[in-house]
Amino acid sequence: MSASAAPLVGGTQMVEPLSSTFREGAEVVSGSVWRCLRRFGVPSSDVDDCFQSVLLQLHGRWEMLGRLPVEELRRYACCVAIGVARGAARKRGRTELISEVPDDLAAPGTPESLAERQEELAQLDAVLATLSDERREVFVLYELEGLTGPEIASHLGLPVGTVASRLRRARADFNAAVARISATSRKVSR
């Protein structure tokens, strides 16, 4: 049974605990985990190892995680990915954002639309690189992965007020960086 064919329980799609396999659960979260790893600076040369580390952690708790609704499983996996990305950054001693997208996760379309998407992702990564790690974590989880403030607070072990403050500051920093990039591109196009 594929994850998309899982039954609805209380209006929420579930990963079935008895008939569901870990592989199906991993397929459900793979895109979100990969995006989180890349947005938190894991270089393409390390992303496979980090992805495997996330899957190993999920597998170790699969008895409990296999019963979660799909969205909750995805959110949990994203938070695990943050921890793995932090560890990888400590090993490297620095964080470097990369904007390439693997073929299986790239949006379908014409070569022009794919090139445009690549450029947009590169701009997003450039803007995210201007945020501090703490603000970037909260911003990516809230704005890009759709977690709520209380969920982020719970997963990162922070007070909800701290999450709200970091999100507010991250949004301000993000908007300022976008304005700088827009101003620079307008000057170049003249």
Protein backbone atom coordinates (compact mmCIF):
# COMPACT_ATOMS: atom_id res chain seq x y z
CA MET A 1 0.00 0.00 0.00
CA SER A 2 1.46 3.39 -0.91
CA ALA A 3 1.51 6.26 1.56
CA SER A 4 -0.96 8.17 -0.60
CA ALA A 5 -3.42 5.29 -0.31
CA ALA A 6 -3.22 5.15 3.50
CA PRO A 7 -6.58 5.42 5.26
CA LEU A 8 -7.92 8.63 6.72
CA VAL A 9 -8.43 8.66 10.47
CA GLY A 10 -10.24 11.70 11.79
CA GLY A 11 -9.54 13.47 8.49
CA THR A 12 -5.79 12.87 8.83
CA GLN A 13 -3.85 10.56 6.53
CA MET A 14 -2.07 7.89 8.56
CA VAL A 15 0.97 5.72 7.92
CA GLU A 16 -0.47 2.33 8.90
CA PRO A 17 1.43 0.85 11.86
CA LEU A 18 0.83 -2.83 11.09
CA SER A 19 0.92 -3.11 7.30
CA SER A 20 3.06 -0.05 6.61
CA THR A 21 6.73 -0.61 6.08
CA PHE A 22 9.53 1.68 7.05
CA ARG A 23 10.28 2.12 3.35
CA GLU A 24 6.82 3.63 2.75
CA GLY A 25 7.29 6.01 5.65
CA ALA A 26 10.73 6.99 4.37
CA GLU A 27 9.27 7.72 0.93
CA VAL A 28 6.67 10.00 2.50
CA VAL A 29 9.28 12.17 4.23
CA SER A 30 12.21 11.92 1.81
CA GLY A 31 11.54 15.16 -0.10
CA SER A 32 11.10 17.24 3.05
CA VAL A 33 14.17 15.72 4.70
CA TRP A 34 16.31 16.33 1.63
CA ARG A 35 15.14 19.96 1.36
CA CYS A 36 15.83 20.57 5.05
CA LEU A 37 19.31 19.11 4.81
CA ARG A 38 20.14 21.27 1.80
CA ARG A 39 18.58 24.45 3.22
CA PHE A 40 20.64 24.01 6.37
CA GLY A 41 23.87 23.91 4.42
CA VAL A 42 24.67 20.25 3.94
CA PRO A 43 26.75 20.11 0.72
CA SER A 44 25.78 17.72 -2.05
CA SER A 45 28.82 15.56 -1.28
CA ASP A 46 27.50 14.92 2.26
CA VAL A 47 23.74 14.91 1.73
CA ASP A 48 23.49 11.15 1.11
CA ASP A 49 25.30 10.34 4.36
CA CYS A 50 23.22 12.85 6.31
CA PHE A 51 20.02 11.56 4.72
CA GLN A 52 20.98 8.05 5.79
CA SER A 53 21.64 9.30 9.34
CA VAL A 54 18.14 10.78 9.47
CA LEU A 55 16.63 7.53 8.20
CA LEU A 56 18.59 5.51 10.77
CA GLN A 57 17.25 7.71 13.57
CA LEU A 58 13.71 7.37 12.23
CA HIS A 59 14.13 3.61 11.89
CA GLY A 60 15.29 3.34 15.49
CA ARG A 61 11.98 4.87 16.63
CA TRP A 62 9.80 3.41 13.90
CA GLU A 63 7.60 1.44 16.29
CA MET A 64 6.34 4.76 17.68
CA LEU A 65 6.76 6.89 14.53
CA GLY A 66 4.93 4.47 12.25
CA ARG A 67 1.70 5.31 14.05
CA LEU A 68 1.95 9.07 13.49
CA PRO A 69 -0.14 10.98 10.95
CA VAL A 70 1.85 11.64 7.77
CA GLU A 71 2.25 15.38 8.42
CA GLU A 72 3.43 14.79 11.98
CA LEU A 73 5.94 12.20 10.74
CA ARG A 74 7.20 14.69 8.15
CA ARG A 75 7.56 17.41 10.78
CA TYR A 76 9.42 15.09 13.12
CA ALA A 77 11.74 14.00 10.29
CA CYS A 78 12.50 17.66 9.44
CA CYS A 79 13.50 18.32 13.03
CA VAL A 80 15.76 15.26 13.02
CA ALA A 81 17.28 16.60 9.78
CA ILE A 82 18.10 19.87 11.55
CA GLY A 83 20.05 18.00 14.20
CA VAL A 84 21.91 15.99 11.58
CA ALA A 85 22.67 19.15 9.57
CA ARG A 86 24.01 20.84 12.72
CA GLY A 87 26.28 17.86 13.34
CA ALA A 88 27.51 17.93 9.74
CA ALA A 89 28.20 21.67 10.01
CA ARG A 90 30.21 21.11 13.19
CA LYS A 91 32.24 18.44 11.42
CA ARG A 92 32.90 20.75 8.48
CA GLY A 93 33.45 23.77 10.70
CA ARG A 94 31.28 25.94 8.47
CA THR A 95 27.89 26.07 6.74
CA GLU A 96 27.62 26.37 2.98
CA LEU A 97 24.28 26.55 1.17
CA ILE A 98 23.98 24.76 -2.17
CA SER A 99 21.07 25.29 -4.54
CA GLU A 100 21.14 22.32 -6.90
CA VAL A 101 18.10 20.07 -6.93
CA PRO A 102 18.30 16.36 -7.79
CA ASP A 103 16.41 15.31 -10.91
CA ASP A 104 13.85 13.27 -8.97
CA LEU A 105 12.83 16.29 -6.86
CA ALA A 106 12.97 18.92 -9.61
CA ALA A 107 9.69 20.33 -10.83
CA PRO A 108 8.64 19.06 -14.27
CA GLY A 109 8.64 21.55 -17.08
CA THR A 110 10.55 23.04 -19.95
CA PRO A 111 14.29 23.62 -19.74
CA GLU A 112 13.56 27.35 -19.42
CA SER A 113 11.20 26.85 -16.48
CA LEU A 114 13.69 24.48 -14.83
CA ALA A 115 16.48 27.03 -15.27
CA GLU A 116 14.23 29.73 -13.82
CA ARG A 117 13.42 27.49 -10.84
CA GLN A 118 17.14 26.81 -10.30
CA GLU A 119 17.78 30.56 -10.30
CA GLU A 120 14.95 31.15 -7.82
CA LEU A 121 16.32 28.42 -5.54
CA ALA A 122 19.80 29.94 -5.75
CA GLN A 123 18.35 33.32 -4.75
CA LEU A 124 16.44 31.70 -1.88
CA ASP A 125 19.61 30.01 -0.67
CA ALA A 126 21.54 33.28 -0.93
CA VAL A 127 18.92 35.02 1.20
CA LEU A 128 18.76 32.15 3.72
CA ALA A 129 22.55 32.28 4.02
CA THR A 130 22.23 35.81 5.40
CA LEU A 131 20.18 34.57 8.38
CA SER A 132 21.80 33.32 11.56
CA ASP A 133 21.52 29.55 12.06
CA GLU A 134 19.00 29.99 14.89
CA ARG A 135 16.75 32.27 12.85
CA ARG A 136 17.16 30.21 9.68
CA GLU A 137 16.02 27.03 11.48
CA VAL A 138 12.82 28.64 12.71
CA PHE A 139 12.18 30.43 9.40
CA VAL A 140 12.64 27.31 7.25
CA LEU A 141 10.52 25.13 9.53
CA TYR A 142 7.70 27.69 9.72
CA GLU A 143 7.67 29.32 6.29
CA LEU A 144 8.95 26.52 4.05
CA GLU A 145 8.00 23.30 5.84
CA GLY A 146 4.74 24.48 7.44
CA LEU A 147 5.33 23.68 11.11
CA THR A 148 3.50 25.78 13.70
CA GLY A 149 5.23 27.84 16.38
CA PRO A 150 4.36 25.40 19.18
CA GLU A 151 5.55 22.45 17.07
CA ILE A 152 8.86 24.17 16.39
CA ALA A 153 9.22 25.05 20.06
CA SER A 154 8.57 21.45 21.06
CA HIS A 155 10.95 19.94 18.52
CA LEU A 156 13.78 22.42 19.15
CA GLY A 157 13.29 22.55 22.92
CA LEU A 158 12.62 26.29 22.97
CA PRO A 159 9.97 28.45 24.61
CA VAL A 160 7.18 29.44 22.20
CA GLY A 161 8.03 33.11 22.78
CA THR A 162 11.62 32.52 21.65
CA VAL A 163 10.37 30.84 18.48
CA ALA A 164 8.02 33.78 17.80
CA SER A 165 10.83 36.28 18.39
CA ARG A 166 13.27 34.42 16.14
CA LEU A 167 10.62 34.10 13.44
CA ARG A 168 9.79 37.82 13.59
CA ARG A 169 13.48 38.75 13.37
CA ALA A 170 14.11 36.17 10.64
CA ARG A 171 11.26 37.61 8.56
CA ALA A 172 12.68 41.11 8.96
CA ASP A 173 16.18 39.90 8.01
CA PHE A 174 14.74 37.91 5.08
CA ASN A 175 12.78 40.91 3.76
CA ALA A 176 15.83 43.17 4.10
CA ALA A 177 18.00 40.68 2.20
CA VAL A 178 15.38 40.35 -0.55
CA ALA A 179 15.23 44.15 -0.84
CA ARG A 180 19.04 44.33 -1.14
CA ILE A 181 19.09 41.63 -3.84
CA SER A 182 16.23 43.33 -5.71
CA ALA A 183 18.00 46.69 -5.58
CA THR A 184 21.23 45.11 -6.79
CA SER A 185 19.51 43.33 -9.69
CA ARG A 186 17.72 46.57 -10.71
CA LYS A 187 21.08 48.39 -10.82
CA VAL A 188 22.62 45.61 -12.91
CA SER A 189 19.72 45.55 -15.40
CA ARG A 190 19.98 49.30 -16.11
